[in-house]
Amino acid sequence: MNICLKVNIQKNNAVKCAKRIINLLSGEGATILMKSDARHHFESYGYIKYYDHDDDLFASSDKAITVGGDGTIIHNARHAAENHIPLIGVNAGRVGFAAEIEPTEIQLLTKLLSNDYSVDKRMVLEIAVVKKDSKATYSCINDAVVSRGQLSRIIDMNLHVNQEKTTHYRADGLIFSTPTGSTAYSLSAGGPVVEPTMNCIILTPICPHSLVDRTVIFNGDTELSVMSESYSASDESYLTIDGQIVIPLSSNDKVIIKKSPLTFDMIRLKNRNFCKIVGEKLKERDD
């Protein structure tokens, strides 16, 4: 079995944990696949296969493991979803909402080799950016944010629901979130915590000008789009996807948000209560 192992090499504890995972799973007969940029941390393991590009790495894998924080999981979840392989996160960060196990529990990863696990199918958003002469499409695991590049700058936006204009927003921005992303930026902006296996799109305004503008939860089959005539180069308006992909927006560019045909398959090794996890993790974040 080919196991993709993606490690946040900026974290020393993540590298140490990854070495234990390599010893554990390779000892059980698994082949470990990694990105080439991690090679110098694992040079003593001569049997690891390395790939220069994420697309080739994930396409050659049966399952994926990430070691790091939630950002590491979200960054790699897009590749896992697009290659139709399940992923599990080992928490080497601070909070780890999305991580399934802690470093003290890595022995549980041997269950991957016998397929002794369940899978949560998480909703993925398809984000399309339609410009005057082009259209680009992206997968989104957590959230897509339309906002100004500078802080405390209001942007005027028109929201269409199923291609019908419904609402005008004046706000610092809009957050379009999956249920998985409900505990990220959307939560910080006052949005609700949503059970991650639900099928819905969460729209949360950032510092809205009107006191009546609050979070709206749409059915997962809804198509949303947002467009503004107030985008300009001097005002630096952007679409940011999962905090990692940034697309500049010009006047009359349209951003379309809808459910993707892909799913993010999150491996579950333990029977955990989501409400209990939220309570524990939010307390950790406040500490």
Protein backbone atom coordinates (compact mmCIF):
# COMPACT_ATOMS: atom_id res chain seq x y z
CA MET A 1 0.00 0.00 0.00
CA ASN A 2 1.30 3.45 -0.96
CA ILE A 3 0.94 6.02 1.83
CA CYS A 4 1.43 9.70 1.05
CA LEU A 5 3.03 11.44 4.05
CA LYS A 6 2.90 15.26 4.00
CA VAL A 7 4.76 16.97 6.85
CA ASN A 8 4.96 20.59 7.97
CA ILE A 9 8.76 20.64 8.03
CA GLN A 10 8.71 24.04 9.74
CA LYS A 11 7.65 22.28 12.94
CA ASN A 12 10.34 20.22 14.66
CA ASN A 13 7.76 18.14 16.50
CA ALA A 14 6.07 17.35 13.17
CA VAL A 15 9.32 16.02 11.69
CA LYS A 16 9.97 13.88 14.78
CA CYS A 17 6.43 12.51 14.65
CA ALA A 18 6.75 11.77 10.92
CA LYS A 19 9.88 9.68 11.55
CA ARG A 20 7.95 7.56 14.03
CA ILE A 21 5.15 7.12 11.48
CA ILE A 22 7.64 6.04 8.80
CA ASN A 23 9.17 3.44 11.10
CA LEU A 24 5.73 2.18 12.12
CA LEU A 25 4.09 1.88 8.70
CA SER A 26 7.12 0.79 6.70
CA GLY A 27 7.65 -1.91 9.31
CA GLU A 28 4.16 -3.15 8.48
CA GLY A 29 4.92 -3.33 4.76
CA ALA A 30 3.65 0.05 3.56
CA THR A 31 5.54 2.15 0.99
CA ILE A 32 5.99 5.77 2.10
CA LEU A 33 5.71 8.52 -0.53
CA MET A 34 6.84 12.09 0.20
CA LYS A 35 7.45 15.44 -1.48
CA SER A 36 11.04 16.08 -2.60
CA ASP A 37 11.35 19.25 -0.52
CA ALA A 38 11.25 17.11 2.64
CA ARG A 39 14.06 14.80 1.53
CA HIS A 40 16.87 16.39 3.61
CA HIS A 41 14.93 15.72 6.83
CA PHE A 42 14.59 12.00 6.04
CA GLU A 43 17.81 11.14 4.18
CA SER A 44 18.52 8.16 6.44
CA TYR A 45 15.35 6.44 5.19
CA GLY A 46 16.59 5.15 1.84
CA TYR A 47 13.35 3.38 0.95
CA ILE A 48 11.10 6.47 0.72
CA LYS A 49 9.84 7.43 -2.76
CA TYR A 50 9.99 11.17 -3.51
CA TYR A 51 7.99 13.27 -5.96
CA ASP A 52 8.64 16.81 -7.17
CA HIS A 53 4.97 17.71 -7.65
CA ASP A 54 1.93 17.25 -5.42
CA ASP A 55 -0.22 16.07 -8.35
CA ASP A 56 2.14 13.16 -9.05
CA LEU A 57 2.54 12.38 -5.36
CA PHE A 58 -1.18 12.11 -4.64
CA ALA A 59 -1.95 10.34 -7.92
CA SER A 60 0.48 7.57 -6.89
CA SER A 61 -0.98 7.17 -3.37
CA ASP A 62 -3.72 5.02 -1.88
CA LYS A 63 -4.13 7.08 1.31
CA ALA A 64 -2.68 10.28 2.71
CA ILE A 65 -1.42 11.30 6.16
CA THR A 66 -0.61 14.88 7.14
CA VAL A 67 1.49 15.85 10.14
CA GLY A 68 1.10 19.45 11.24
CA GLY A 69 -1.76 21.81 12.04
CA ASP A 70 -5.11 22.41 10.40
CA GLY A 71 -3.44 24.48 7.66
CA THR A 72 -1.40 21.44 6.63
CA ILE A 73 -4.56 19.34 6.42
CA ILE A 74 -6.53 21.91 4.42
CA HIS A 75 -3.67 22.55 1.99
CA ASN A 76 -3.38 18.85 1.19
CA ALA A 77 -7.09 18.06 1.35
CA ARG A 78 -7.60 19.70 -2.06
CA HIS A 79 -5.07 17.34 -3.64
CA ALA A 80 -6.60 14.35 -1.85
CA ALA A 81 -10.12 15.27 -3.00
CA GLU A 82 -9.05 15.84 -6.60
CA ASN A 83 -7.31 12.43 -6.64
CA HIS A 84 -10.14 10.64 -4.79
CA ILE A 85 -8.05 9.34 -1.91
CA PRO A 86 -8.91 9.54 1.83
CA LEU A 87 -6.79 11.59 4.23
CA ILE A 88 -6.10 11.62 7.95
CA GLY A 89 -4.41 14.34 10.01
CA VAL A 90 -1.99 13.91 12.90
CA ASN A 91 -2.01 17.03 15.07
CA ALA A 92 1.38 18.65 15.49
CA GLY A 93 -0.10 22.14 15.71
CA ARG A 94 -1.83 24.05 18.48
CA VAL A 95 -5.59 23.41 18.21
CA GLY A 96 -6.10 20.89 15.41
CA PHE A 97 -9.86 20.98 14.77
CA ALA A 98 -9.49 18.80 11.68
CA ALA A 99 -6.84 16.39 12.99
CA GLU A 100 -8.01 12.92 13.91
CA ILE A 101 -5.21 11.79 16.23
CA GLU A 102 -2.49 13.18 18.47
CA PRO A 103 1.20 12.16 18.26
CA THR A 104 0.71 9.87 21.25
CA GLU A 105 -1.83 7.85 19.22
CA ILE A 106 0.13 7.11 16.04
CA GLN A 107 -0.04 3.36 16.69
CA LEU A 108 -3.65 3.65 15.49
CA LEU A 109 -2.38 4.39 11.98
CA THR A 110 -1.73 0.69 11.41
CA LYS A 111 -5.51 0.43 10.92
CA LEU A 112 -5.05 2.17 7.58
CA LEU A 113 -3.28 -0.90 6.22
CA SER A 114 -6.19 -3.22 7.06
CA ASN A 115 -8.88 -0.68 6.04
CA ASP A 116 -10.16 -0.73 9.62
CA TYR A 117 -11.63 2.76 9.63
CA SER A 118 -14.64 4.84 8.64
CA VAL A 119 -14.79 7.86 6.32
CA ASP A 120 -16.53 11.21 6.75
CA LYS A 121 -17.45 12.58 3.33
CA ARG A 122 -17.01 16.35 3.57
CA MET A 123 -18.48 18.87 1.18
CA VAL A 124 -16.09 20.72 -1.15
CA LEU A 125 -16.91 24.05 -2.80
CA GLU A 126 -16.28 24.79 -6.44
CA ILE A 127 -15.21 28.41 -6.85
CA ALA A 128 -15.28 29.93 -10.34
CA VAL A 129 -13.81 33.34 -11.15
CA VAL A 130 -15.35 34.75 -14.31
CA LYS A 131 -13.45 37.65 -15.86
CA LYS A 132 -14.07 39.51 -19.11
CA ASP A 133 -12.07 37.07 -21.22
CA SER A 134 -11.41 34.07 -18.96
CA LYS A 135 -12.80 31.67 -16.41
CA ALA A 136 -10.84 29.75 -13.78
CA THR A 137 -12.16 27.12 -11.36
CA TYR A 138 -10.78 26.11 -7.96
CA SER A 139 -11.58 23.56 -5.25
CA CYS A 140 -12.20 24.93 -1.77
CA ILE A 141 -12.09 22.89 1.45
CA ASN A 142 -12.50 25.58 4.14
CA ASP A 143 -13.60 28.98 2.83
CA ALA A 144 -13.49 31.53 0.04
CA VAL A 145 -13.23 35.18 1.11
CA VAL A 146 -13.93 38.28 -0.97
CA SER A 147 -12.40 41.34 0.69
CA ARG A 148 -10.26 44.44 0.37
CA GLY A 149 -6.50 44.04 0.59
CA GLN A 150 -6.34 46.72 3.26
CA LEU A 151 -7.95 46.48 6.67
CA SER A 152 -11.08 48.46 7.56
CA ARG A 153 -12.07 49.19 3.95
CA ILE A 154 -15.73 48.69 3.06
CA ILE A 155 -16.61 46.94 -0.19
CA ASP A 156 -20.03 47.05 -1.93
CA MET A 157 -21.17 43.68 -3.24
CA ASN A 158 -24.27 42.28 -4.90
CA LEU A 159 -25.24 38.71 -4.03
CA HIS A 160 -27.11 36.51 -6.49
CA VAL A 161 -28.83 33.31 -5.33
CA ASN A 162 -29.49 30.80 -8.11
CA GLN A 163 -28.74 33.60 -10.62
CA GLU A 164 -31.29 35.99 -9.10
CA LYS A 165 -30.10 39.18 -7.41
CA THR A 166 -31.23 39.08 -3.79
CA THR A 167 -29.06 41.18 -1.49
CA HIS A 168 -26.62 44.06 -1.43
CA TYR A 169 -23.82 44.00 1.16
CA ARG A 170 -21.62 46.80 2.45
CA ALA A 171 -18.95 45.12 4.55
CA ASP A 172 -15.23 44.53 4.91
CA GLY A 173 -15.82 41.30 2.99
CA LEU A 174 -17.84 38.10 2.64
CA ILE A 175 -16.84 34.60 3.79
CA PHE A 176 -18.29 31.62 1.91
CA SER A 177 -17.59 28.57 4.05
CA THR A 178 -18.06 24.82 3.96
CA PRO A 179 -19.23 23.07 7.14
CA THR A 180 -15.60 21.94 7.61
CA GLY A 181 -14.55 25.59 7.50
CA SER A 182 -17.24 26.77 9.92
CA THR A 183 -14.76 26.58 12.81
CA ALA A 184 -12.18 28.72 11.00
CA TYR A 185 -12.46 32.34 9.77
CA SER A 186 -16.27 32.21 9.67
CA LEU A 187 -16.41 31.42 13.39
CA SER A 188 -14.05 34.30 14.19
CA ALA A 189 -16.35 36.63 12.20
CA GLY A 190 -19.37 35.58 14.26
CA GLY A 191 -20.60 32.64 12.18
CA PRO A 192 -22.07 29.42 13.61
CA VAL A 193 -20.37 26.10 14.28
CA VAL A 194 -21.81 23.59 11.78
CA GLU A 195 -21.46 19.82 11.96
CA PRO A 196 -18.82 19.08 9.29
CA THR A 197 -20.65 16.31 7.43
CA MET A 198 -23.65 18.54 6.68
CA ASN A 199 -24.43 19.71 3.15
CA CYS A 200 -24.67 23.51 3.18
CA ILE A 201 -22.92 26.78 2.31
CA ILE A 202 -22.35 29.32 5.08
CA LEU A 203 -22.24 33.02 4.15
CA THR A 204 -20.80 35.28 6.87
CA PRO A 205 -20.28 39.03 6.33
CA ILE A 206 -17.12 40.57 7.78
CA CYS A 207 -17.93 43.68 9.85
CA PRO A 208 -21.13 44.50 7.91
CA HIS A 209 -22.23 48.13 7.68
CA SER A 210 -25.82 47.14 8.47
CA LEU A 211 -26.64 45.62 11.86
CA VAL A 212 -29.25 43.35 10.24
CA ASP A 213 -26.70 41.59 8.00
CA ARG A 214 -25.89 38.31 9.69
CA THR A 215 -24.78 34.82 8.71
CA VAL A 216 -27.03 32.95 6.28
CA ILE A 217 -26.90 29.18 5.78
CA PHE A 218 -27.88 28.01 2.29
CA ASN A 219 -28.83 24.56 1.06
CA GLY A 220 -25.80 22.80 -0.39
CA ASP A 221 -27.38 22.70 -3.86
CA THR A 222 -27.66 26.51 -4.02
CA GLU A 223 -25.50 28.45 -6.47
CA LEU A 224 -24.27 31.76 -5.10
CA SER A 225 -22.44 34.50 -6.96
CA VAL A 226 -21.04 37.84 -5.92
CA MET A 227 -20.01 40.80 -8.04
CA SER A 228 -19.07 44.39 -7.36
CA GLU A 229 -18.57 47.51 -9.44
CA SER A 230 -16.33 48.97 -6.74
CA TYR A 231 -13.33 46.71 -7.34
CA SER A 232 -10.30 48.65 -8.57
CA ALA A 233 -6.54 48.23 -8.70
CA SER A 234 -6.02 51.01 -6.17
CA ASP A 235 -8.37 49.39 -3.67
CA GLU A 236 -6.74 45.95 -3.95
CA SER A 237 -9.76 43.64 -3.81
CA TYR A 238 -9.09 39.90 -3.67
CA LEU A 239 -10.61 36.46 -3.57
CA THR A 240 -8.72 34.25 -1.12
CA ILE A 241 -9.34 30.49 -1.16
CA ASP A 242 -8.42 28.47 1.94
CA GLY A 243 -6.03 31.24 2.96
CA GLN A 244 -3.59 30.03 0.29
CA ILE A 245 -4.82 30.90 -3.21
CA VAL A 246 -5.17 34.64 -3.87
CA ILE A 247 -6.85 36.06 -6.99
CA PRO A 248 -7.03 39.83 -7.65
CA LEU A 249 -10.51 41.03 -8.60
CA SER A 250 -11.35 43.77 -11.07
CA SER A 251 -14.59 45.67 -11.60
CA ASN A 252 -17.45 43.37 -12.73
CA ASP A 253 -15.50 40.14 -12.14
CA LYS A 254 -17.94 37.50 -10.94
CA VAL A 255 -17.20 34.90 -8.26
CA ILE A 256 -19.48 31.85 -8.40
CA ILE A 257 -19.74 29.56 -5.37
CA LYS A 258 -21.42 26.15 -5.52
CA LYS A 259 -21.07 22.58 -4.37
CA SER A 260 -18.29 20.66 -6.07
CA PRO A 261 -18.84 17.13 -7.41
CA LEU A 262 -15.75 16.19 -5.38
CA THR A 263 -15.76 15.21 -1.71
CA PHE A 264 -13.04 15.44 0.90
CA ASP A 265 -12.85 11.97 2.47
CA MET A 266 -11.65 12.33 6.06
CA ILE A 267 -10.51 9.09 7.69
CA ARG A 268 -11.93 8.37 11.15
CA LEU A 269 -10.17 5.90 13.45
CA LYS A 270 -12.06 6.81 16.61
CA ASN A 271 -15.72 7.23 17.52
CA ARG A 272 -15.67 10.89 18.55
CA ASN A 273 -18.54 13.21 19.42
CA PHE A 274 -18.29 16.41 17.36
CA CYS A 275 -19.87 18.62 20.04
CA LYS A 276 -17.35 17.36 22.59
CA ILE A 277 -14.47 18.00 20.19
CA VAL A 278 -15.66 21.57 19.59
CA GLY A 279 -15.90 22.26 23.31
CA GLU A 280 -12.41 20.93 23.96
CA LYS A 281 -10.77 22.67 21.00
CA LEU A 282 -12.41 26.05 21.57
CA LYS A 283 -11.23 25.95 25.16
CA GLU A 284 -7.68 25.19 23.92
CA ARG A 285 -7.85 28.11 21.50
CA ASP A 286 -8.88 30.50 24.29
CA ASP A 287 -6.15 29.28 26.69
